[in-house]
Every structure is written in C-alpha cells, then in structure tokens.
Amino acid sequence: MQRETGATRPARVEARGWGWRHAGRRRSALDGIDLVISPGERVLLLGPSGSGKSTLLHALAGVHGGAEEGEETGSLLIDGEWPGAVRGRASLVLQDPDSQVILARVGDDVAFGCENLGVPRDEIWARVRRALDEVGLDLPLDHPTSALSGGQKQRLALAGAFAMGPGLLLLDEPTANLDPAGVDEVRQAVARTLDRTGATFVVVEHRVDVWIDLVTRVIVLGRDGRLIADGEPQHVISTQRDVLLAAGVWVPGVPPGVSAARPAPAASVVDLEGIDLAIGRRSDAVVRSGLSLALPRAASTVLTGPNGAGKSTLALTMGGLLPPLGGRVRASEELAGGLKPDPIRWRSRELLTRIGTVFQEPEHQFVASTVQRELEVAPRALGLDAPTTARRTHEVLERLGLDRLAEANPFTLSGGEQRRLTVGCALVAQPRVVVLDEPTFGQDRLTWIELVTLLRALVDDGTTLLSVSHDAAYLDALGDQHLDLGSDALRMEATA
C-alpha cells in the first residue's frame, strides 16, 4: 500500500499520565506526563540532562523496545493511536547521527525511509534532492557515507527525516556537533521545511537561543521527570527564569559564570608535538597535510574549525590512536617515561596513564554492563588495588553527577550522561594528557559548569588538555591556547 503523496497532515500528540522507567533504573525517566500538542505546534522541549527528554521523543517515534527495555504507564498517542501502530507519521533524528547511517551512499541513505513507506520511485528522488538541498549537504548522491564527518552525518540524518514527509518531526539536539555556520543552516532548513509542510515539531535542545524564535511553545521537564513549565516561549523564559536556571536550562543572556581562559605561558614545556603532519582515517585518504602544533604542559588547548575539516582525525592522531600519514607526533621525555617518543607505538596499557582520549560518539567506548564497572575498566587494566579503584571511581561518580546511576547500564543513559561517563573513564586512570572530542555535547547548564570546573582544576594541577569543540562558551573558559583548523591551514588565535 502506497502512502499518500499530498501535503503533510500535521499530527496531534496527547499524553495522559504517561511515564516510562528503563529496565534496571531506580527511578522513572518520566512520570505522570499530561499534555496535548495540537497539530502544527512547534515545541522546544527543555530540561536537565537525564530528565527524560530523549525518552519522550523515542516513545513518540514508536521505537521503544517494549517490556524488555522498560515499563510504560498511562497513555501516549499520536492522532489517537499508539505511536508504534502509526510509524511513519513521526520522523526522529537521534542524538548520535552515526547510529542512523544505514546505507553506503548519501542518496540511498536519504531515500531509505521513503522506500519503507512505499513512496513512488520518481517522487522519492525528488524528495531526496530537495531534502539534501534544504540541509545544505551539497554532495553527489553516490558520495560514500563512510567519508562524512560527524556534522555531515547529522545533516544526512536530518535530510532523511525531511524526505519522509512526517506529520510529526522530532529532533534530538540536532545542532550539538555542528559549527556555527552549520547550526544556522540547520535551523533555517527546519524553518523552511515546517513552513512548507506545516508539520508538528518537537525539538530537544539545551541551548534555548538556537530555537526560541522558531517555536511557539516551551515545555520544561524537571529532574524528577515531571513537567515544571509549559507555555509561550518568551513568557516562560521571563516568568520562570529562576526555575529554569535551577533546572539547568541555558537561559538566553545568562552566562555560565566560570573563570575565563588564561593564556598558556610562552615558556611552558611541550608535552605533545605534531610536526608537519598529514592525517587521515585510511592510509590512502589524506584529509589534511602540513599541520604543526604543540600542546603546552598544564595548559588547555581548544581546537575549532568547520565540520569536515579533520579536527577529530587530528585529535585521534595526537592521542596515539591513528598513525600519522606523514610527519610525526612526538611526546616529551617525561610523558613517554622511558618509551619511544611516538605515541602510536605505545600499547593500550601504556597509553592509559599517558594519554586518555574520549571519542565523539560515547557509546563506541562502552564495554561493561554498569556505570560502576565501566569506570573500573582502566584501574583494573593498570592493576590498581581495590581500595584505590573504589576511591577513584567514587570521586569521579560524585564530581560528574553519576553516583545515582552507578548500577545503570551505560546504554540506558541519556546522551549527556553518556558523555560525562566517557570523560570519567578517561580521568579515572589519571593520564598526563587528556584528549576530548566535543566534551560538552548534551550537557545542561549545571552539568556543563561542573564539567568545565573539573577540567580547569585538572589543568591547574598539571594535566595537559586538548579539546575539539564548537562550543563558544567552552572556548572562552578553557581556550588557554586556541587552534583553528580552517579551510586553508591550522592557525593559532590569541586568547583574550
């Protein structure tokens, strides 16, 4: 049966006493939610990390796994039907776009959802081209999806959602890993699509200012998974300011209030140095060449640049996880500690106490069944005794606000919680150098402040830090040295 190809019919959402508890979690992710979202409404869903925002989007998309994944209470309906019975009415773009890449070529990947809905072939390719144009992904239809950067994959996932022509468009932090130009392009693309289709829209985002002028309603969840505010955007922001700040919402115009970055001392010892580097994920695919950089000891370096510029690849190369395709990465004698100065030649256990790396995709690093056991992986690999392991993991759990989740499965955490866990897994080994790729992804204002404060304390105590980030506030706080990987070269920019 072919889906009708006329104008999108906006969906109606209704929740009555709805709640969800993940299997193995001590508390409900959401509890007693009562709301109605009328057809065509545009909603910004706010709340602290772990409050259940992503859980609600997953439920609306009909992709919860059922009783084996958790327990549902009350009712949640789209157009009067259980979401799982009307799949295709809603399109969801997840926090991790990499998990939504299905096929090997860009055009085929965008077309996949339409094909599953039975859209006629001629119309599919018209939709694919329009969706790619709307998200600003100017690539051939046969371009390999494996060659896309994280930000490009995010736009690809968005294009796939647009192409399906949903009545309910659900976006889970769609701009989190995009450069400023990409954020603006995505927001404009969403605006054009909503104006063209009239679809009902729900977006989860920590940064209110990105969407505040596009949405017609703001709904805020508290840490207990219940509604704490609901109404017209400017009214909610102005009348509930203190409530929102207490809930970790990034209220426009309110800075985080952390110390500003301080310039790295000119005479500082260099812990890691990249010399005339050529980098790439494969030996036959050089992404960038002629790159030289130095990481001063006990200073924080922030690496910025447009999506697709090679920032993550450069970070992994400096961290000893990718071999240079040209040039050399050289560690100081003190960092190497008797080993060869090339980190790529170090074994995993040797890297643990020297260079700790956190990937852009948190779940790619999980190997244990609980948060506690995940944090114990590195100490056990180092042969630390039980009291030392317990002390280190307890400190990390408390500092990163994960102590209540010690027995939870890492894959049931929110995106922001997963990010903090991966940072904690690197820090528990107490490495001399820490490499972080988008460390503030998915963080609410309060967890952001806690994370940045922790990282600043580590740097002040002698840790050398390299971070890849699009977060301007993070750069302001931790950009002791700012390196910008632009389209032409790697530039050092002065810290204010």
Protein backbone atom coordinates (compact mmCIF):
# COMPACT_ATOMS: atom_id res chain seq x y z
CA MET A 1 0.00 0.00 0.00
CA GLN A 2 1.47 3.31 -1.09
CA ARG A 3 1.48 6.29 1.19
CA GLU A 4 -0.48 9.32 0.04
CA THR A 5 1.81 11.86 -1.59
CA GLY A 6 -0.17 15.02 -0.92
CA ALA A 7 0.53 17.73 1.62
CA THR A 8 1.68 16.63 5.07
CA ARG A 9 -1.10 16.33 7.62
CA PRO A 10 0.23 17.67 10.94
CA ALA A 11 -0.06 15.23 13.81
CA ARG A 12 -1.74 15.62 17.20
CA VAL A 13 0.05 14.37 20.33
CA GLU A 14 -1.68 13.51 23.59
CA ALA A 15 -0.16 12.18 26.84
CA ARG A 16 -2.31 11.18 29.82
CA GLY A 17 -0.47 10.22 32.97
CA TRP A 18 2.30 8.83 30.79
CA GLY A 19 5.55 7.57 32.26
CA TRP A 20 8.48 5.35 31.43
CA ARG A 21 11.01 3.51 33.59
CA HIS A 22 14.10 2.00 31.97
CA ALA A 23 14.84 -1.60 32.94
CA GLY A 24 17.41 -1.63 35.73
CA ARG A 25 16.94 2.04 36.66
CA ARG A 26 15.95 3.02 40.21
CA ARG A 27 13.53 5.73 39.16
CA SER A 28 11.25 6.58 36.28
CA ALA A 29 12.76 8.57 33.44
CA LEU A 30 9.36 10.27 33.06
CA ASP A 31 6.40 10.21 35.39
CA GLY A 32 2.79 11.38 35.13
CA ILE A 33 3.13 13.46 31.97
CA ASP A 34 -0.10 15.19 30.91
CA LEU A 35 -0.03 17.32 27.77
CA VAL A 36 -1.62 17.91 24.38
CA ILE A 37 0.36 19.18 21.39
CA SER A 38 -2.01 20.47 18.74
CA PRO A 39 -1.43 19.89 15.01
CA GLY A 40 1.16 22.31 13.65
CA GLU A 41 2.53 23.42 17.03
CA ARG A 42 6.28 23.97 17.31
CA VAL A 43 7.62 22.87 20.69
CA LEU A 44 11.01 23.31 22.34
CA LEU A 45 11.45 20.60 24.99
CA LEU A 46 13.86 21.65 27.75
CA GLY A 47 15.19 20.12 30.93
CA PRO A 48 18.33 18.90 32.68
CA SER A 49 20.47 16.08 31.37
CA GLY A 50 18.77 12.78 32.20
CA SER A 51 15.29 14.25 32.75
CA GLY A 52 13.74 12.07 30.04
CA LYS A 53 13.61 14.38 27.02
CA SER A 54 15.10 11.84 24.63
CA THR A 55 12.96 9.10 26.15
CA LEU A 56 9.81 11.04 25.28
CA LEU A 57 10.97 11.54 21.68
CA HIS A 58 11.78 7.83 21.32
CA ALA A 59 8.33 6.93 22.60
CA LEU A 60 6.64 9.34 20.16
CA ALA A 61 8.63 7.79 17.31
CA GLY A 62 7.44 4.33 18.36
CA VAL A 63 10.96 2.96 18.77
CA HIS A 64 10.90 1.86 22.41
CA GLY A 65 11.72 -1.84 22.59
CA GLY A 66 8.80 -2.87 24.78
CA ALA A 67 8.70 -4.68 28.11
CA GLU A 68 12.28 -5.95 27.88
CA GLU A 69 13.61 -2.36 27.80
CA GLY A 70 11.35 -0.81 30.39
CA GLU A 71 7.91 -0.28 31.86
CA GLU A 72 5.30 2.13 30.46
CA THR A 73 2.43 3.71 32.39
CA GLY A 74 -0.51 5.85 31.24
CA SER A 75 -1.08 6.56 27.55
CA LEU A 76 0.84 8.35 24.79
CA LEU A 77 -0.96 8.79 21.46
CA ILE A 78 -0.41 10.25 18.00
CA ASP A 79 -3.68 11.07 16.25
CA GLY A 80 -5.42 8.87 18.83
CA GLU A 81 -3.18 5.85 18.10
CA TRP A 82 -0.28 4.19 19.88
CA PRO A 83 2.89 5.54 18.17
CA GLY A 84 4.12 2.05 17.29
CA ALA A 85 0.97 1.50 15.23
CA VAL A 86 1.46 4.61 13.08
CA ARG A 87 5.17 4.53 12.33
CA GLY A 88 5.92 6.91 9.51
CA ARG A 89 3.75 9.64 10.99
CA ALA A 90 6.78 10.68 13.03
CA SER A 91 10.42 11.07 11.95
CA LEU A 92 13.15 11.13 14.59
CA VAL A 93 16.70 12.43 14.33
CA LEU A 94 18.68 10.95 17.21
CA GLN A 95 21.44 12.49 19.35
CA ASP A 96 24.02 10.27 17.64
CA PRO A 97 23.66 10.65 13.85
CA ASP A 98 26.24 7.91 13.27
CA SER A 99 23.75 5.36 14.59
CA GLN A 100 21.28 6.36 11.86
CA VAL A 101 23.58 5.93 8.85
CA ILE A 102 22.27 2.79 7.15
CA LEU A 103 23.45 2.66 3.55
CA ALA A 104 26.77 3.22 1.82
CA ARG A 105 25.79 6.17 -0.40
CA VAL A 106 24.31 9.52 0.56
CA GLY A 107 21.35 9.40 -1.83
CA ASP A 108 20.39 5.84 -0.91
CA ASP A 109 20.55 6.65 2.79
CA VAL A 110 18.19 9.63 2.47
CA ALA A 111 15.85 7.54 0.30
CA PHE A 112 15.69 4.63 2.74
CA GLY A 113 12.81 5.91 4.86
CA CYS A 114 10.74 6.88 1.82
CA GLU A 115 11.22 3.41 0.31
CA ASN A 116 9.97 1.80 3.52
CA LEU A 117 6.87 4.00 3.37
CA GLY A 118 6.11 2.93 -0.22
CA VAL A 119 6.60 6.37 -1.79
CA PRO A 120 6.67 6.12 -5.64
CA ARG A 121 10.21 5.92 -7.04
CA ASP A 122 10.06 9.14 -9.08
CA GLU A 123 8.83 11.09 -6.09
CA ILE A 124 11.48 9.56 -3.80
CA TRP A 125 14.38 11.06 -5.73
CA ALA A 126 12.72 14.45 -5.97
CA ARG A 127 12.31 14.37 -2.19
CA VAL A 128 15.92 13.24 -1.69
CA ARG A 129 17.35 16.10 -3.72
CA ARG A 130 15.10 18.66 -2.04
CA ALA A 131 15.98 17.38 1.45
CA LEU A 132 19.73 17.44 0.78
CA ASP A 133 19.41 20.98 -0.56
CA GLU A 134 17.38 22.06 2.48
CA VAL A 135 20.05 20.87 4.95
CA GLY A 136 22.94 22.32 2.94
CA LEU A 137 24.60 18.96 2.22
CA ASP A 138 25.96 19.73 -1.24
CA LEU A 139 27.30 16.28 -2.15
CA PRO A 140 26.79 13.86 -5.07
CA LEU A 141 24.12 11.21 -4.46
CA ASP A 142 26.77 8.49 -4.75
CA HIS A 143 29.11 10.11 -2.19
CA PRO A 144 30.12 7.45 0.40
CA THR A 145 28.53 7.91 3.80
CA SER A 146 31.69 6.47 5.39
CA ALA A 147 33.56 9.59 4.26
CA LEU A 148 31.27 12.02 6.10
CA SER A 149 32.28 13.91 9.23
CA GLY A 150 30.12 13.76 12.35
CA GLY A 151 28.48 17.07 11.48
CA GLN A 152 27.78 15.94 7.92
CA LYS A 153 26.19 12.72 9.21
CA GLN A 154 23.96 14.88 11.40
CA ARG A 155 22.73 16.75 8.32
CA LEU A 156 22.30 13.45 6.46
CA ALA A 157 20.04 12.13 9.21
CA LEU A 158 18.05 15.37 9.11
CA ALA A 159 17.65 15.09 5.34
CA GLY A 160 16.34 11.54 5.73
CA ALA A 161 13.75 12.75 8.23
CA PHE A 162 12.66 15.63 5.95
CA ALA A 163 12.33 13.34 2.93
CA MET A 164 9.81 11.10 4.68
CA GLY A 165 7.33 13.97 4.89
CA PRO A 166 6.28 13.26 8.51
CA GLY A 167 3.33 14.78 10.29
CA LEU A 168 5.47 14.95 13.43
CA LEU A 169 9.12 15.96 13.17
CA LEU A 170 11.22 15.05 16.23
CA LEU A 171 14.77 16.37 16.62
CA ASP A 172 17.08 15.39 19.48
CA GLU A 173 19.83 18.04 19.80
CA PRO A 174 20.29 18.30 16.03
CA THR A 175 22.92 21.07 16.22
CA ALA A 176 25.09 19.68 19.03
CA ASN A 177 28.11 18.79 16.87
CA LEU A 178 27.78 21.48 14.21
CA ASP A 179 29.95 24.53 13.64
CA PRO A 180 28.19 27.94 13.94
CA ALA A 181 27.52 28.13 10.20
CA GLY A 182 26.08 24.62 10.28
CA VAL A 183 23.81 25.49 13.21
CA ASP A 184 22.38 28.41 11.27
CA GLU A 185 21.93 26.29 8.13
CA VAL A 186 20.10 23.54 10.02
CA ARG A 187 17.82 25.98 11.79
CA GLN A 188 16.94 27.67 8.51
CA ALA A 189 16.38 24.27 6.88
CA VAL A 190 13.98 23.25 9.63
CA ALA A 191 12.14 26.56 9.35
CA ARG A 192 11.74 26.15 5.57
CA THR A 193 10.51 22.59 5.95
CA LEU A 194 7.98 23.48 8.65
CA ASP A 195 6.71 26.42 6.62
CA ARG A 196 6.35 24.15 3.57
CA THR A 197 4.76 21.15 5.29
CA GLY A 198 3.02 22.54 8.38
CA ALA A 199 4.26 19.53 10.36
CA THR A 200 4.04 19.38 14.13
CA PHE A 201 7.50 19.89 15.57
CA VAL A 202 9.24 18.92 18.82
CA VAL A 203 12.94 19.68 19.31
CA VAL A 204 15.13 18.83 22.30
CA GLU A 205 17.98 21.27 22.80
CA HIS A 206 19.91 22.65 25.77
CA ARG A 207 20.74 25.92 24.03
CA VAL A 208 17.47 27.87 24.08
CA ASP A 209 18.65 30.72 21.87
CA VAL A 210 19.00 28.47 18.79
CA TRP A 211 15.26 27.73 18.55
CA ILE A 212 13.46 30.32 20.68
CA ASP A 213 12.37 32.46 17.71
CA LEU A 214 11.11 29.46 15.70
CA VAL A 215 8.97 27.64 18.26
CA THR A 216 5.53 28.58 19.53
CA ARG A 217 5.71 26.76 22.85
CA VAL A 218 8.24 25.74 25.50
CA ILE A 219 7.80 22.64 27.69
CA VAL A 220 10.25 22.08 30.55
CA LEU A 221 10.89 18.81 32.39
CA GLY A 222 12.39 18.72 35.88
CA ARG A 223 14.97 16.32 37.26
CA ASP A 224 12.17 14.10 38.57
CA GLY A 225 10.77 13.60 35.07
CA ARG A 226 7.70 15.78 35.63
CA LEU A 227 6.53 18.94 33.86
CA ILE A 228 7.64 22.12 35.60
CA ALA A 229 6.78 24.77 32.97
CA ASP A 230 4.69 24.97 29.81
CA GLY A 231 3.68 27.97 27.76
CA GLU A 232 4.52 30.66 25.22
CA PRO A 233 8.33 30.89 24.89
CA GLN A 234 9.04 34.45 25.98
CA HIS A 235 6.51 34.23 28.82
CA VAL A 236 8.09 31.03 30.18
CA ILE A 237 11.61 32.47 29.89
CA SER A 238 10.72 35.74 31.61
CA THR A 239 8.44 34.42 34.39
CA GLN A 240 10.22 31.13 35.16
CA ARG A 241 13.82 32.34 34.91
CA ASP A 242 14.96 31.12 38.34
CA VAL A 243 13.14 27.80 37.95
CA LEU A 244 14.78 27.26 34.58
CA LEU A 245 18.26 28.09 35.86
CA ALA A 246 17.79 25.71 38.80
CA ALA A 247 16.79 23.00 36.31
CA GLY A 248 19.98 23.53 34.29
CA VAL A 249 18.38 25.31 31.34
CA TRP A 250 20.63 27.62 29.31
CA VAL A 251 18.58 30.81 29.67
CA PRO A 252 19.50 33.34 26.95
CA GLY A 253 21.67 36.18 28.23
CA VAL A 254 22.77 34.36 31.42
CA PRO A 255 26.46 33.36 31.20
CA PRO A 256 27.70 30.21 32.97
CA GLY A 257 29.77 32.22 35.43
CA VAL A 258 33.02 30.25 35.24
CA SER A 259 36.56 31.63 35.13
CA ALA A 260 37.84 32.78 31.76
CA ALA A 261 40.66 31.04 29.89
CA ARG A 262 44.19 32.19 30.67
CA PRO A 263 46.93 32.37 28.02
CA ALA A 264 49.34 29.44 28.08
CA PRO A 265 52.79 30.52 29.35
CA ALA A 266 55.15 31.11 26.44
CA ALA A 267 58.00 29.19 28.13
CA SER A 268 55.90 26.15 29.00
CA VAL A 269 57.27 22.65 28.39
CA VAL A 270 55.57 20.93 25.44
CA ASP A 271 54.06 17.52 26.27
CA LEU A 272 52.98 16.58 22.73
CA GLU A 273 54.08 17.98 19.40
CA GLY A 274 52.78 17.35 15.90
CA ILE A 275 55.41 18.01 13.24
CA ASP A 276 54.39 18.57 9.59
CA LEU A 277 51.54 16.09 10.00
CA ALA A 278 49.48 14.50 7.26
CA ILE A 279 46.33 12.94 8.73
CA GLY A 280 43.55 10.61 7.63
CA ARG A 281 41.43 7.65 8.75
CA ARG A 282 42.84 5.42 5.98
CA SER A 283 46.35 5.21 4.57
CA ASP A 284 45.08 6.04 1.08
CA ALA A 285 42.96 9.05 2.12
CA VAL A 286 44.88 12.08 3.40
CA VAL A 287 42.42 14.58 4.92
CA ARG A 288 44.90 17.36 5.76
CA SER A 289 48.66 17.80 5.50
CA GLY A 290 51.35 20.24 6.62
CA LEU A 291 49.94 20.56 10.15
CA SER A 292 52.23 21.51 13.03
CA LEU A 293 51.09 22.11 16.60
CA ALA A 294 52.35 21.90 20.17
CA LEU A 295 50.44 21.18 23.39
CA PRO A 296 51.95 23.10 26.32
CA ARG A 297 52.10 21.25 29.62
CA ALA A 298 49.45 22.15 32.20
CA ALA A 299 47.50 24.22 29.67
CA SER A 300 44.19 23.74 27.89
CA THR A 301 44.19 23.83 24.09
CA VAL A 302 40.86 24.08 22.22
CA LEU A 303 40.75 23.03 18.58
CA THR A 304 37.97 24.58 16.48
CA GLY A 305 37.08 24.64 12.80
CA PRO A 306 34.29 23.86 10.33
CA ASN A 307 32.67 20.44 10.08
CA GLY A 308 34.70 18.08 7.91
CA ALA A 309 37.98 19.97 8.43
CA GLY A 310 39.65 16.99 10.14
CA LYS A 311 39.50 18.08 13.80
CA SER A 312 38.57 14.65 15.20
CA THR A 313 41.12 12.94 12.97
CA LEU A 314 43.84 15.31 14.17
CA ALA A 315 42.86 14.73 17.81
CA LEU A 316 42.97 10.94 17.41
CA THR A 317 46.35 11.20 15.70
CA MET A 318 47.76 13.34 18.53
CA GLY A 319 46.30 10.86 21.01
CA GLY A 320 48.21 7.92 19.54
CA LEU A 321 45.12 6.16 18.16
CA LEU A 322 45.65 6.91 14.46
CA PRO A 323 49.04 6.69 12.71
CA PRO A 324 50.28 9.88 11.04
CA LEU A 325 50.18 9.53 7.25
CA GLY A 326 53.13 11.89 7.10
CA GLY A 327 55.26 13.78 9.61
CA ARG A 328 55.41 12.75 13.25
CA VAL A 329 53.75 13.05 16.67
CA ARG A 330 56.41 13.31 19.36
CA ALA A 331 55.96 13.09 23.13
CA SER A 332 58.23 14.73 25.68
CA GLU A 333 60.69 12.51 27.53
CA GLU A 334 58.74 12.95 30.75
CA LEU A 335 55.44 11.96 29.13
CA ALA A 336 56.99 8.99 27.31
CA GLY A 337 58.50 7.76 30.58
CA GLY A 338 61.15 5.56 29.00
CA LEU A 339 59.10 4.56 25.96
CA LYS A 340 59.73 5.55 22.36
CA PRO A 341 58.55 9.16 21.80
CA ASP A 342 55.92 8.15 19.21
CA PRO A 343 52.52 7.57 20.94
CA ILE A 344 51.25 5.41 18.07
CA ARG A 345 53.86 2.81 19.11
CA TRP A 346 52.61 2.60 22.70
CA ARG A 347 50.42 -0.28 23.83
CA SER A 348 46.92 0.33 25.20
CA ARG A 349 48.01 -0.08 28.81
CA GLU A 350 50.92 2.31 28.25
CA LEU A 351 48.55 4.91 26.83
CA LEU A 352 46.18 4.72 29.83
CA THR A 353 48.34 6.74 32.21
CA ARG A 354 49.89 8.92 29.50
CA ILE A 355 47.13 9.95 27.07
CA GLY A 356 43.43 9.45 27.75
CA THR A 357 41.08 10.00 24.78
CA VAL A 358 37.31 10.48 24.69
CA PHE A 359 35.65 9.88 21.30
CA GLN A 360 32.90 11.99 19.76
CA GLU A 361 30.49 9.00 19.98
CA PRO A 362 30.25 7.98 23.67
CA GLU A 363 28.74 4.52 23.16
CA HIS A 364 31.68 3.43 20.99
CA GLN A 365 33.78 3.21 24.17
CA PHE A 366 31.45 1.20 26.45
CA VAL A 367 32.50 -2.36 27.30
CA ALA A 368 30.84 -3.05 30.68
CA SER A 369 27.28 -3.70 31.85
CA THR A 370 27.07 -0.98 34.53
CA VAL A 371 28.40 2.54 35.01
CA GLN A 372 30.43 1.40 38.03
CA ARG A 373 32.08 -1.44 36.13
CA GLU A 374 32.76 0.82 33.17
CA LEU A 375 34.72 3.17 35.42
CA GLU A 376 36.65 0.21 36.87
CA VAL A 377 37.94 -0.99 33.47
CA ALA A 378 41.02 1.27 33.37
CA PRO A 379 42.03 0.82 37.05
CA ARG A 380 41.82 -2.95 36.65
CA ALA A 381 43.90 -2.84 33.47
CA LEU A 382 46.51 -0.87 35.43
CA GLY A 383 46.47 -3.44 38.25
CA LEU A 384 45.35 -0.96 40.92
CA ASP A 385 44.23 -2.41 44.24
CA ALA A 386 40.56 -2.46 45.26
CA PRO A 387 40.68 0.48 47.73
CA THR A 388 42.40 2.75 45.17
CA THR A 389 39.95 1.72 42.46
CA ALA A 390 36.96 2.34 44.74
CA ARG A 391 38.28 5.76 45.80
CA ARG A 392 38.93 6.94 42.25
CA THR A 393 35.62 5.72 40.84
CA HIS A 394 33.66 7.17 43.76
CA GLU A 395 35.27 10.58 43.28
CA VAL A 396 34.51 10.58 39.54
CA LEU A 397 30.91 9.45 40.06
CA GLU A 398 30.27 12.26 42.52
CA ARG A 399 32.04 15.01 40.57
CA LEU A 400 30.22 14.17 37.33
CA GLY A 401 26.79 13.69 38.91
CA LEU A 402 26.60 9.99 38.05
CA ASP A 403 26.58 8.47 41.55
CA ARG A 404 22.83 7.70 41.41
CA LEU A 405 23.42 5.81 38.15
CA ALA A 406 26.27 3.57 39.30
CA GLU A 407 24.31 0.35 38.67
CA ALA A 408 22.63 1.50 35.43
CA ASN A 409 23.61 0.09 32.05
CA PRO A 410 25.66 2.74 30.17
CA PHE A 411 23.47 2.30 27.09
CA THR A 412 20.36 3.40 29.03
CA LEU A 413 21.88 6.77 29.95
CA SER A 414 20.97 9.99 28.21
CA GLY A 415 23.41 11.41 25.69
CA GLY A 416 24.71 13.95 28.21
CA GLU A 417 25.15 11.29 30.90
CA GLN A 418 27.00 9.03 28.45
CA ARG A 419 29.33 11.89 27.58
CA ARG A 420 30.15 12.52 31.25
CA LEU A 421 30.75 8.81 31.78
CA THR A 422 33.28 8.60 28.94
CA VAL A 423 35.09 11.64 30.33
CA GLY A 424 35.12 9.97 33.74
CA CYS A 425 36.51 6.74 32.27
CA ALA A 426 39.46 8.68 30.88
CA LEU A 427 40.05 10.69 34.05
CA VAL A 428 39.94 7.72 36.45
CA ALA A 429 43.27 6.49 35.01
CA GLN A 430 44.77 9.93 35.81
CA PRO A 431 46.62 10.39 32.48
CA ARG A 432 49.13 13.20 31.97
CA VAL A 433 47.39 14.29 28.74
CA VAL A 434 43.63 14.22 28.06
CA VAL A 435 42.12 14.48 24.56
CA LEU A 436 38.37 15.27 24.43
CA ASP A 437 36.18 15.36 21.33
CA GLU A 438 33.09 17.57 21.88
CA PRO A 439 33.14 17.15 25.69
CA THR A 440 30.12 19.39 26.37
CA PHE A 441 27.76 17.64 23.97
CA GLY A 442 24.37 17.05 25.65
CA GLN A 443 25.18 18.95 28.86
CA ASP A 444 22.71 21.17 30.64
CA ARG A 445 23.95 24.39 32.19
CA LEU A 446 24.66 22.86 35.62
CA THR A 447 26.46 19.75 34.39
CA TRP A 448 28.38 21.95 31.92
CA ILE A 449 29.61 24.15 34.77
CA GLU A 450 30.59 21.11 36.85
CA LEU A 451 32.44 19.51 33.94
CA VAL A 452 34.30 22.68 32.94
CA THR A 453 35.21 23.38 36.58
CA LEU A 454 36.58 19.85 36.93
CA LEU A 455 38.65 20.16 33.75
CA ARG A 456 40.04 23.53 34.83
CA ALA A 457 41.08 22.03 38.17
CA LEU A 458 42.84 19.17 36.36
CA VAL A 459 44.75 21.63 34.18
CA ASP A 460 45.69 23.73 37.21
CA ASP A 461 47.05 20.54 38.82
CA GLY A 462 49.30 19.84 35.82
CA THR A 463 47.17 17.95 33.26
CA THR A 464 47.64 18.86 29.59
CA LEU A 465 44.29 19.13 27.80
CA LEU A 466 43.33 19.09 24.11
CA SER A 467 39.65 19.55 23.26
CA VAL A 468 37.78 19.57 19.97
CA SER A 469 34.76 21.83 20.37
CA HIS A 470 32.22 24.05 18.61
CA ASP A 471 31.08 25.40 21.99
CA ALA A 472 31.92 29.12 22.20
CA ALA A 473 31.41 29.20 25.98
CA TYR A 474 33.80 26.25 26.38
CA LEU A 475 36.40 28.07 24.29
CA ASP A 476 36.01 31.16 26.48
CA ALA A 477 36.53 29.10 29.63
CA LEU A 478 39.24 26.64 28.56
CA GLY A 479 40.89 28.09 25.46
CA ASP A 480 44.26 28.87 27.06
CA GLN A 481 45.54 28.12 23.57
CA HIS A 482 43.15 28.32 20.62
CA LEU A 483 43.95 26.47 17.41
CA ASP A 484 41.60 26.93 14.47
CA LEU A 485 41.68 24.28 11.75
CA GLY A 486 40.24 26.39 8.96
CA SER A 487 39.84 25.53 5.31
CA ASP A 488 43.37 26.66 4.46
CA ALA A 489 45.66 25.99 7.43
CA LEU A 490 45.98 25.44 11.18
CA ARG A 491 46.07 28.85 12.86
CA MET A 492 46.81 29.88 16.41
CA GLU A 493 44.43 32.58 17.60
CA ALA A 494 45.06 34.80 20.60
CA THR A 495 43.25 34.16 23.84
CA ALA A 496 41.53 37.23 25.19
